[in-house]
Amino acid sequence: MTDVDEKIRDIVSVELQIDHARVTSSALLTELGMDSVSALNILFAVEETFGFTQIDAAEVAQIKTIADLERIVAQMFSKPRGPAAMER
């Protein structure tokens, strides 16, 4: 598990107020107690923690498990960020 994965799991466990040990790669977010409000709070926390401006709505719709969230965050790191990205 990477540091990024660990931070994601921290965010989820804090937002959903659950034991960190329950937040595994295969865990379904809805089974952990995520609803639409907590989903938004998790996404806002992920964006703030990693400095993303906005995670694509189509990608958000694909998030069902912790592994899905980790994959999307990893993809966000590979996208251009900052002023140069805005000019494209």
N, C-alpha and C. Protein backbone atom coordinates (compact mmCIF):
# COMPACT_ATOMS: atom_id res chain seq x y z
N MET A 1 0.85 -1.17 0.00
CA MET A 1 0.00 0.00 0.00
C MET A 1 0.90 1.24 0.00
N THR A 2 0.53 2.20 -0.83
CA THR A 2 1.31 3.43 -0.92
C THR A 2 0.85 4.44 0.13
N ASP A 3 1.64 5.49 0.29
CA ASP A 3 1.25 6.58 1.20
C ASP A 3 -0.07 7.22 0.76
N VAL A 4 -0.24 7.33 -0.57
CA VAL A 4 -1.48 7.91 -1.10
C VAL A 4 -2.66 7.02 -0.72
N ASP A 5 -2.51 5.71 -0.90
CA ASP A 5 -3.58 4.78 -0.53
C ASP A 5 -3.91 4.91 0.96
N GLU A 6 -2.88 5.03 1.77
CA GLU A 6 -3.08 5.15 3.21
C GLU A 6 -3.86 6.43 3.55
N LYS A 7 -3.52 7.53 2.88
CA LYS A 7 -4.23 8.79 3.12
C LYS A 7 -5.69 8.68 2.69
N ILE A 8 -5.94 8.00 1.57
CA ILE A 8 -7.31 7.80 1.10
C ILE A 8 -8.10 7.02 2.14
N ARG A 9 -7.50 5.96 2.65
CA ARG A 9 -8.18 5.14 3.65
C ARG A 9 -8.42 5.92 4.95
N ASP A 10 -7.47 6.79 5.29
CA ASP A 10 -7.66 7.65 6.47
C ASP A 10 -8.87 8.57 6.27
N ILE A 11 -8.95 9.18 5.09
CA ILE A 11 -10.06 10.08 4.78
C ILE A 11 -11.39 9.34 4.89
N VAL A 12 -11.46 8.16 4.29
CA VAL A 12 -12.70 7.39 4.31
C VAL A 12 -13.08 6.99 5.74
N SER A 13 -12.11 6.51 6.50
CA SER A 13 -12.43 6.07 7.86
C SER A 13 -12.88 7.23 8.74
N VAL A 14 -12.27 8.40 8.57
CA VAL A 14 -12.67 9.57 9.36
C VAL A 14 -14.06 10.04 8.93
N GLU A 15 -14.27 10.17 7.63
CA GLU A 15 -15.56 10.68 7.15
C GLU A 15 -16.71 9.75 7.51
N LEU A 16 -16.48 8.44 7.40
CA LEU A 16 -17.56 7.49 7.68
C LEU A 16 -17.60 7.07 9.15
N GLN A 17 -16.63 7.58 9.92
CA GLN A 17 -16.54 7.29 11.35
C GLN A 17 -16.54 5.78 11.61
N ILE A 18 -15.61 5.10 10.91
CA ILE A 18 -15.48 3.65 11.06
C ILE A 18 -14.04 3.30 11.38
N ASP A 19 -13.85 2.09 11.87
CA ASP A 19 -12.51 1.59 12.18
C ASP A 19 -11.69 1.50 10.90
N HIS A 20 -10.48 2.01 10.95
CA HIS A 20 -9.58 2.02 9.80
C HIS A 20 -9.38 0.61 9.23
N ALA A 21 -9.41 -0.41 10.07
CA ALA A 21 -9.20 -1.79 9.62
C ALA A 21 -10.29 -2.27 8.67
N ARG A 22 -11.46 -1.66 8.72
CA ARG A 22 -12.56 -2.04 7.81
C ARG A 22 -12.36 -1.50 6.40
N VAL A 23 -11.48 -0.53 6.24
CA VAL A 23 -11.29 0.13 4.96
C VAL A 23 -10.23 -0.63 4.16
N THR A 24 -10.69 -1.65 3.44
CA THR A 24 -9.81 -2.49 2.62
C THR A 24 -10.06 -2.20 1.15
N SER A 25 -9.14 -2.63 0.29
CA SER A 25 -9.27 -2.38 -1.15
C SER A 25 -10.59 -2.86 -1.72
N SER A 26 -11.04 -4.02 -1.27
CA SER A 26 -12.26 -4.60 -1.84
C SER A 26 -13.54 -4.13 -1.16
N ALA A 27 -13.42 -3.32 -0.12
CA ALA A 27 -14.60 -2.87 0.62
C ALA A 27 -15.49 -2.00 -0.27
N LEU A 28 -16.77 -2.35 -0.29
CA LEU A 28 -17.75 -1.53 -1.00
C LEU A 28 -18.06 -0.31 -0.13
N LEU A 29 -17.95 0.86 -0.71
CA LEU A 29 -18.16 2.08 0.05
C LEU A 29 -19.56 2.16 0.64
N THR A 30 -20.55 1.69 -0.10
CA THR A 30 -21.92 1.73 0.44
C THR A 30 -22.07 0.80 1.64
N GLU A 31 -21.37 -0.32 1.63
CA GLU A 31 -21.43 -1.24 2.77
C GLU A 31 -20.70 -0.67 3.99
N LEU A 32 -19.78 0.26 3.74
CA LEU A 32 -19.09 0.93 4.84
C LEU A 32 -19.94 2.08 5.41
N GLY A 33 -21.05 2.38 4.73
CA GLY A 33 -21.95 3.41 5.23
C GLY A 33 -21.96 4.70 4.43
N MET A 34 -21.31 4.71 3.27
CA MET A 34 -21.27 5.93 2.47
C MET A 34 -22.64 6.21 1.85
N ASP A 35 -23.07 7.46 1.97
CA ASP A 35 -24.26 7.93 1.28
C ASP A 35 -23.85 9.10 0.39
N SER A 36 -24.81 9.76 -0.23
CA SER A 36 -24.47 10.83 -1.17
C SER A 36 -23.74 11.99 -0.51
N VAL A 37 -24.12 12.33 0.70
CA VAL A 37 -23.47 13.44 1.41
C VAL A 37 -22.04 13.07 1.79
N SER A 38 -21.86 11.89 2.36
CA SER A 38 -20.50 11.49 2.75
C SER A 38 -19.63 11.27 1.52
N ALA A 39 -20.22 10.86 0.39
CA ALA A 39 -19.45 10.70 -0.84
C ALA A 39 -18.87 12.04 -1.28
N LEU A 40 -19.70 13.08 -1.23
CA LEU A 40 -19.21 14.42 -1.58
C LEU A 40 -18.12 14.88 -0.61
N ASN A 41 -18.33 14.64 0.67
CA ASN A 41 -17.33 15.04 1.66
C ASN A 41 -16.01 14.31 1.45
N ILE A 42 -16.08 13.03 1.10
CA ILE A 42 -14.86 12.25 0.82
C ILE A 42 -14.16 12.83 -0.40
N LEU A 43 -14.91 13.11 -1.46
CA LEU A 43 -14.30 13.67 -2.67
C LEU A 43 -13.68 15.04 -2.41
N PHE A 44 -14.37 15.89 -1.66
CA PHE A 44 -13.81 17.20 -1.33
C PHE A 44 -12.52 17.04 -0.53
N ALA A 45 -12.51 16.12 0.41
CA ALA A 45 -11.32 15.88 1.23
C ALA A 45 -10.17 15.34 0.39
N VAL A 46 -10.48 14.46 -0.56
CA VAL A 46 -9.44 13.92 -1.45
C VAL A 46 -8.88 15.05 -2.31
N GLU A 47 -9.76 15.87 -2.88
CA GLU A 47 -9.30 16.99 -3.71
C GLU A 47 -8.42 17.94 -2.90
N GLU A 48 -8.83 18.25 -1.70
CA GLU A 48 -8.06 19.17 -0.86
C GLU A 48 -6.73 18.56 -0.43
N THR A 49 -6.75 17.31 -0.03
CA THR A 49 -5.54 16.64 0.44
C THR A 49 -4.48 16.55 -0.64
N PHE A 50 -4.90 16.22 -1.86
CA PHE A 50 -3.94 15.99 -2.94
C PHE A 50 -3.81 17.16 -3.91
N GLY A 51 -4.57 18.23 -3.70
CA GLY A 51 -4.44 19.42 -4.52
C GLY A 51 -5.08 19.32 -5.88
N PHE A 52 -6.09 18.46 -6.03
CA PHE A 52 -6.81 18.37 -7.29
C PHE A 52 -7.86 19.47 -7.32
N THR A 53 -8.13 19.99 -8.51
CA THR A 53 -9.14 21.03 -8.61
C THR A 53 -10.53 20.44 -8.73
N GLN A 54 -10.67 19.34 -9.47
CA GLN A 54 -11.98 18.71 -9.58
C GLN A 54 -11.80 17.33 -10.18
N ILE A 55 -12.38 16.34 -9.54
CA ILE A 55 -12.38 14.98 -10.08
C ILE A 55 -13.56 14.89 -11.03
N ASP A 56 -13.34 14.33 -12.22
CA ASP A 56 -14.34 14.23 -13.27
C ASP A 56 -15.58 13.46 -12.79
N ALA A 57 -16.75 13.99 -13.10
CA ALA A 57 -18.01 13.37 -12.66
C ALA A 57 -18.18 11.95 -13.21
N ALA A 58 -17.73 11.71 -14.44
CA ALA A 58 -17.83 10.36 -15.01
C ALA A 58 -16.97 9.38 -14.21
N GLU A 59 -15.82 9.84 -13.74
CA GLU A 59 -14.96 8.98 -12.93
C GLU A 59 -15.59 8.74 -11.56
N VAL A 60 -16.21 9.76 -11.00
CA VAL A 60 -16.85 9.63 -9.70
C VAL A 60 -17.94 8.56 -9.75
N ALA A 61 -18.68 8.52 -10.84
CA ALA A 61 -19.76 7.54 -10.98
C ALA A 61 -19.26 6.11 -10.97
N GLN A 62 -17.97 5.91 -11.28
CA GLN A 62 -17.39 4.57 -11.31
C GLN A 62 -16.91 4.09 -9.94
N ILE A 63 -16.88 4.95 -8.96
CA ILE A 63 -16.32 4.60 -7.65
C ILE A 63 -17.32 3.77 -6.86
N LYS A 64 -16.97 2.51 -6.67
CA LYS A 64 -17.79 1.59 -5.87
C LYS A 64 -17.01 1.05 -4.67
N THR A 65 -15.70 0.89 -4.85
CA THR A 65 -14.85 0.32 -3.81
C THR A 65 -13.70 1.27 -3.48
N ILE A 66 -13.00 0.95 -2.42
CA ILE A 66 -11.80 1.70 -2.05
C ILE A 66 -10.79 1.62 -3.19
N ALA A 67 -10.64 0.45 -3.80
CA ALA A 67 -9.70 0.28 -4.91
C ALA A 67 -10.05 1.20 -6.08
N ASP A 68 -11.34 1.38 -6.36
CA ASP A 68 -11.77 2.30 -7.42
C ASP A 68 -11.32 3.72 -7.11
N LEU A 69 -11.51 4.14 -5.87
CA LEU A 69 -11.11 5.48 -5.46
C LEU A 69 -9.60 5.64 -5.56
N GLU A 70 -8.86 4.63 -5.12
CA GLU A 70 -7.39 4.67 -5.21
C GLU A 70 -6.93 4.75 -6.66
N ARG A 71 -7.60 4.02 -7.55
CA ARG A 71 -7.25 4.03 -8.98
C ARG A 71 -7.49 5.40 -9.58
N ILE A 72 -8.61 6.01 -9.27
CA ILE A 72 -8.93 7.32 -9.82
C ILE A 72 -7.96 8.38 -9.31
N VAL A 73 -7.60 8.31 -8.05
CA VAL A 73 -6.61 9.26 -7.51
C VAL A 73 -5.27 9.06 -8.21
N ALA A 74 -4.86 7.82 -8.43
CA ALA A 74 -3.61 7.55 -9.14
C ALA A 74 -3.66 8.13 -10.55
N GLN A 75 -4.81 8.02 -11.23
CA GLN A 75 -4.96 8.59 -12.56
C GLN A 75 -4.88 10.11 -12.51
N MET A 76 -5.42 10.71 -11.47
CA MET A 76 -5.37 12.16 -11.34
C MET A 76 -3.93 12.65 -11.22
N PHE A 77 -3.09 11.87 -10.56
CA PHE A 77 -1.68 12.26 -10.44
C PHE A 77 -0.98 12.24 -11.79
N SER A 78 -1.48 11.44 -12.73
CA SER A 78 -0.83 11.35 -14.04
C SER A 78 -1.31 12.44 -14.99
N LYS A 79 -2.38 13.16 -14.61
CA LYS A 79 -2.90 14.24 -15.45
C LYS A 79 -2.13 15.52 -15.17
N PRO A 80 -1.96 16.37 -16.20
CA PRO A 80 -1.30 17.66 -15.97
C PRO A 80 -2.11 18.51 -14.99
N ARG A 81 -1.39 19.21 -14.11
CA ARG A 81 -2.04 20.10 -13.13
C ARG A 81 -1.37 21.45 -13.18
N GLY A 82 -2.06 22.43 -12.65
CA GLY A 82 -1.48 23.76 -12.54
C GLY A 82 -1.79 24.62 -13.75
N PRO A 83 -1.16 25.80 -13.84
CA PRO A 83 -1.45 26.76 -14.91
C PRO A 83 -1.22 26.21 -16.30
N ALA A 84 -0.18 25.40 -16.50
CA ALA A 84 0.09 24.85 -17.83
C ALA A 84 -1.06 23.96 -18.28
N ALA A 85 -1.65 23.23 -17.37
CA ALA A 85 -2.77 22.35 -17.72
C ALA A 85 -3.99 23.16 -18.13
N MET A 86 -4.16 24.33 -17.56
CA MET A 86 -5.31 25.18 -17.87
C MET A 86 -5.22 25.74 -19.29
N GLU A 87 -4.01 25.87 -19.83
CA GLU A 87 -3.83 26.46 -21.16
C GLU A 87 -4.13 25.47 -22.26
N ARG A 88 -4.19 24.19 -21.95
CA ARG A 88 -4.37 23.17 -22.99
C ARG A 88 -5.77 23.10 -23.48
